[in-house]
Amino acid sequence: MELKLDIYSKTEKGKIEKTYRAEGYDLMLGTIDDLVSIIDLDKMDDEKAVAAMIVKGYRQIKPLLHDVFGATEEELNRTKVSDLVPCIIDICRASLSSFEILKKQKN
């Protein structure tokens, strides 16, 4: 699954300056605690609920975004919350799919 994060221009409002892309993401154990304390996986289909979770836990989400995309702190400050919703949903889905793979390998 391709993950993407748009970084917007400082000077030209609404213009995308850079787009980070990552192919999937294997969630690290140290990040799981932060993510599950912010994101209610049962509400992943409710974009408004996800947006509220992102805003509430943004300090914990920033390191996750840095880890996935390698974006700088300054670049992360130029992302839109509305863009983060599908991005975080995709990161969660990619992470959950890696758990499914582990479960299949165990059987």
C-alpha atoms as a PDB file:
ATOM      1  CA  MET A   1       0.000   0.000   0.000  1.00  0.00           C
ATOM      2  CA  GLU A   2       1.417   3.374  -0.977  1.00  0.00           C
ATOM      3  CA  LEU A   3       1.369   6.020   1.731  1.00  0.00           C
ATOM      4  CA  LYS A   4       1.705   9.686   0.855  1.00  0.00           C
ATOM      5  CA  LEU A   5       2.060  12.976   2.647  1.00  0.00           C
ATOM      6  CA  ASP A   6       1.823  16.381   0.957  1.00  0.00           C
ATOM      7  CA  ILE A   7       3.892  19.309   2.202  1.00  0.00           C
ATOM      8  CA  TYR A   8       2.531  22.737   1.300  1.00  0.00           C
ATOM      9  CA  SER A   9       4.427  25.842   0.248  1.00  0.00           C
ATOM     10  CA  LYS A  10       5.243  28.511   2.813  1.00  0.00           C
ATOM     11  CA  THR A  11       4.733  31.271   0.282  1.00  0.00           C
ATOM     12  CA  GLU A  12       2.078  30.061  -2.180  1.00  0.00           C
ATOM     13  CA  LYS A  13      -1.104  29.196  -0.323  1.00  0.00           C
ATOM     14  CA  GLY A  14      -2.532  25.820  -1.274  1.00  0.00           C
ATOM     15  CA  LYS A  15       0.398  24.834  -3.514  1.00  0.00           C
ATOM     16  CA  ILE A  16       1.957  21.452  -2.826  1.00  0.00           C
ATOM     17  CA  GLU A  17       5.710  21.921  -2.570  1.00  0.00           C
ATOM     18  CA  LYS A  18       6.689  18.298  -1.978  1.00  0.00           C
ATOM     19  CA  THR A  19       5.065  14.903  -1.680  1.00  0.00           C
ATOM     20  CA  TYR A  20       6.584  12.153   0.423  1.00  0.00           C
ATOM     21  CA  ARG A  21       5.753   8.572  -0.532  1.00  0.00           C
ATOM     22  CA  ALA A  22       6.355   5.341   1.322  1.00  0.00           C
ATOM     23  CA  GLU A  23       5.465   1.800   0.365  1.00  0.00           C
ATOM     24  CA  GLY A  24       3.638   0.370   3.381  1.00  0.00           C
ATOM     25  CA  TYR A  25       4.779   0.712   6.934  1.00  0.00           C
ATOM     26  CA  ASP A  26       5.771  -1.787   9.600  1.00  0.00           C
ATOM     27  CA  LEU A  27       4.709  -0.253  12.870  1.00  0.00           C
ATOM     28  CA  MET A  28       7.363  -0.519  15.556  1.00  0.00           C
ATOM     29  CA  LEU A  29       6.322  -1.833  18.967  1.00  0.00           C
ATOM     30  CA  GLY A  30       7.344   1.407  20.627  1.00  0.00           C
ATOM     31  CA  THR A  31       4.953   3.303  18.379  1.00  0.00           C
ATOM     32  CA  ILE A  32       1.977   0.996  18.902  1.00  0.00           C
ATOM     33  CA  ASP A  33       1.310   2.325  22.417  1.00  0.00           C
ATOM     34  CA  ASP A  34       1.208   5.907  21.179  1.00  0.00           C
ATOM     35  CA  LEU A  35      -0.951   5.098  18.185  1.00  0.00           C
ATOM     36  CA  VAL A  36      -3.551   3.004  19.993  1.00  0.00           C
ATOM     37  CA  SER A  37      -3.803   5.590  22.752  1.00  0.00           C
ATOM     38  CA  ILE A  38      -4.814   8.134  20.090  1.00  0.00           C
ATOM     39  CA  ILE A  39      -6.620   6.168  17.395  1.00  0.00           C
ATOM     40  CA  ASP A  40      -9.756   4.152  18.107  1.00  0.00           C
ATOM     41  CA  LEU A  41      -9.507   1.454  15.431  1.00  0.00           C
ATOM     42  CA  ASP A  42     -13.263   0.862  15.628  1.00  0.00           C
ATOM     43  CA  LYS A  43     -13.815   4.403  14.308  1.00  0.00           C
ATOM     44  CA  MET A  44     -11.399   4.248  11.360  1.00  0.00           C
ATOM     45  CA  ASP A  45     -14.280   4.619   8.873  1.00  0.00           C
ATOM     46  CA  ASP A  46     -15.445   7.891  10.462  1.00  0.00           C
ATOM     47  CA  GLU A  47     -13.224  10.612   8.985  1.00  0.00           C
ATOM     48  CA  LYS A  48     -14.478  13.280  11.412  1.00  0.00           C
ATOM     49  CA  ALA A  49     -13.660  11.052  14.373  1.00  0.00           C
ATOM     50  CA  VAL A  50     -10.205  10.308  12.932  1.00  0.00           C
ATOM     51  CA  ALA A  51      -9.579  14.043  12.387  1.00  0.00           C
ATOM     52  CA  ALA A  52     -10.489  14.747  16.012  1.00  0.00           C
ATOM     53  CA  MET A  53      -8.171  11.950  17.178  1.00  0.00           C
ATOM     54  CA  ILE A  54      -5.320  13.346  15.070  1.00  0.00           C
ATOM     55  CA  VAL A  55      -5.742  16.870  16.433  1.00  0.00           C
ATOM     56  CA  LYS A  56      -5.949  15.581  20.006  1.00  0.00           C
ATOM     57  CA  GLY A  57      -2.851  13.403  19.690  1.00  0.00           C
ATOM     58  CA  TYR A  58      -0.808  15.372  17.199  1.00  0.00           C
ATOM     59  CA  ARG A  59       2.289  15.452  19.436  1.00  0.00           C
ATOM     60  CA  GLN A  60       2.372  11.663  19.310  1.00  0.00           C
ATOM     61  CA  ILE A  61       1.529  11.486  15.612  1.00  0.00           C
ATOM     62  CA  LYS A  62       4.371  13.771  14.526  1.00  0.00           C
ATOM     63  CA  PRO A  63       7.095  11.222  15.416  1.00  0.00           C
ATOM     64  CA  LEU A  64       5.135   8.556  13.545  1.00  0.00           C
ATOM     65  CA  LEU A  65       4.967  10.738  10.424  1.00  0.00           C
ATOM     66  CA  HIS A  66       8.662  11.519  10.734  1.00  0.00           C
ATOM     67  CA  ASP A  67       9.423   7.805  10.995  1.00  0.00           C
ATOM     68  CA  VAL A  68       7.256   6.834   8.015  1.00  0.00           C
ATOM     69  CA  PHE A  69       8.229   9.645   5.637  1.00  0.00           C
ATOM     70  CA  GLY A  70      11.429  11.188   6.987  1.00  0.00           C
ATOM     71  CA  ALA A  71       9.797  14.620   6.906  1.00  0.00           C
ATOM     72  CA  THR A  72      11.355  17.362   9.008  1.00  0.00           C
ATOM     73  CA  GLU A  73       9.560  19.087  11.878  1.00  0.00           C
ATOM     74  CA  GLU A  74       9.227  22.208   9.750  1.00  0.00           C
ATOM     75  CA  GLU A  75       7.716  20.229   6.878  1.00  0.00           C
ATOM     76  CA  LEU A  76       5.250  18.498   9.177  1.00  0.00           C
ATOM     77  CA  ASN A  77       4.093  21.945  10.288  1.00  0.00           C
ATOM     78  CA  ARG A  78       3.073  22.547   6.661  1.00  0.00           C
ATOM     79  CA  THR A  79       0.722  19.590   6.337  1.00  0.00           C
ATOM     80  CA  LYS A  80      -3.058  19.853   6.380  1.00  0.00           C
ATOM     81  CA  VAL A  81      -5.099  17.987   8.957  1.00  0.00           C
ATOM     82  CA  SER A  82      -7.505  17.096   6.158  1.00  0.00           C
ATOM     83  CA  ASP A  83      -4.582  15.364   4.376  1.00  0.00           C
ATOM     84  CA  LEU A  84      -3.513  13.612   7.553  1.00  0.00           C
ATOM     85  CA  VAL A  85      -6.842  11.815   7.966  1.00  0.00           C
ATOM     86  CA  PRO A  86      -6.464   9.507   4.933  1.00  0.00           C
ATOM     87  CA  CYS A  87      -2.723   9.236   5.594  1.00  0.00           C
ATOM     88  CA  ILE A  88      -3.179   8.040   9.199  1.00  0.00           C
ATOM     89  CA  ILE A  89      -5.977   5.683   8.116  1.00  0.00           C
ATOM     90  CA  ASP A  90      -3.638   4.201   5.490  1.00  0.00           C
ATOM     91  CA  ILE A  91      -0.787   3.873   8.008  1.00  0.00           C
ATOM     92  CA  CYS A  92      -3.121   2.033  10.396  1.00  0.00           C
ATOM     93  CA  ARG A  93      -4.337  -0.249   7.615  1.00  0.00           C
ATOM     94  CA  ALA A  94      -0.785  -0.987   6.488  1.00  0.00           C
ATOM     95  CA  SER A  95       0.200  -1.742  10.069  1.00  0.00           C
ATOM     96  CA  LEU A  96      -2.815  -3.970  10.634  1.00  0.00           C
ATOM     97  CA  SER A  97      -2.062  -5.872   7.444  1.00  0.00           C
ATOM     98  CA  SER A  98       1.424  -6.635   8.772  1.00  0.00           C
ATOM     99  CA  PHE A  99      -0.215  -8.160  11.864  1.00  0.00           C
ATOM    100  CA  GLU A 100      -2.348 -10.343   9.572  1.00  0.00           C
ATOM    101  CA  ILE A 101       0.790 -11.555   7.785  1.00  0.00           C
ATOM    102  CA  LEU A 102       2.379 -12.445  11.133  1.00  0.00           C
ATOM    103  CA  LYS A 103      -0.759 -14.301  12.175  1.00  0.00           C
ATOM    104  CA  LYS A 104      -0.747 -16.335   8.928  1.00  0.00           C
ATOM    105  CA  GLN A 105       2.958 -17.175   9.300  1.00  0.00           C
ATOM    106  CA  LYS A 106       2.355 -18.387  12.855  1.00  0.00           C
ATOM    107  CA  ASN A 107      -0.343 -20.868  11.727  1.00  0.00           C
END
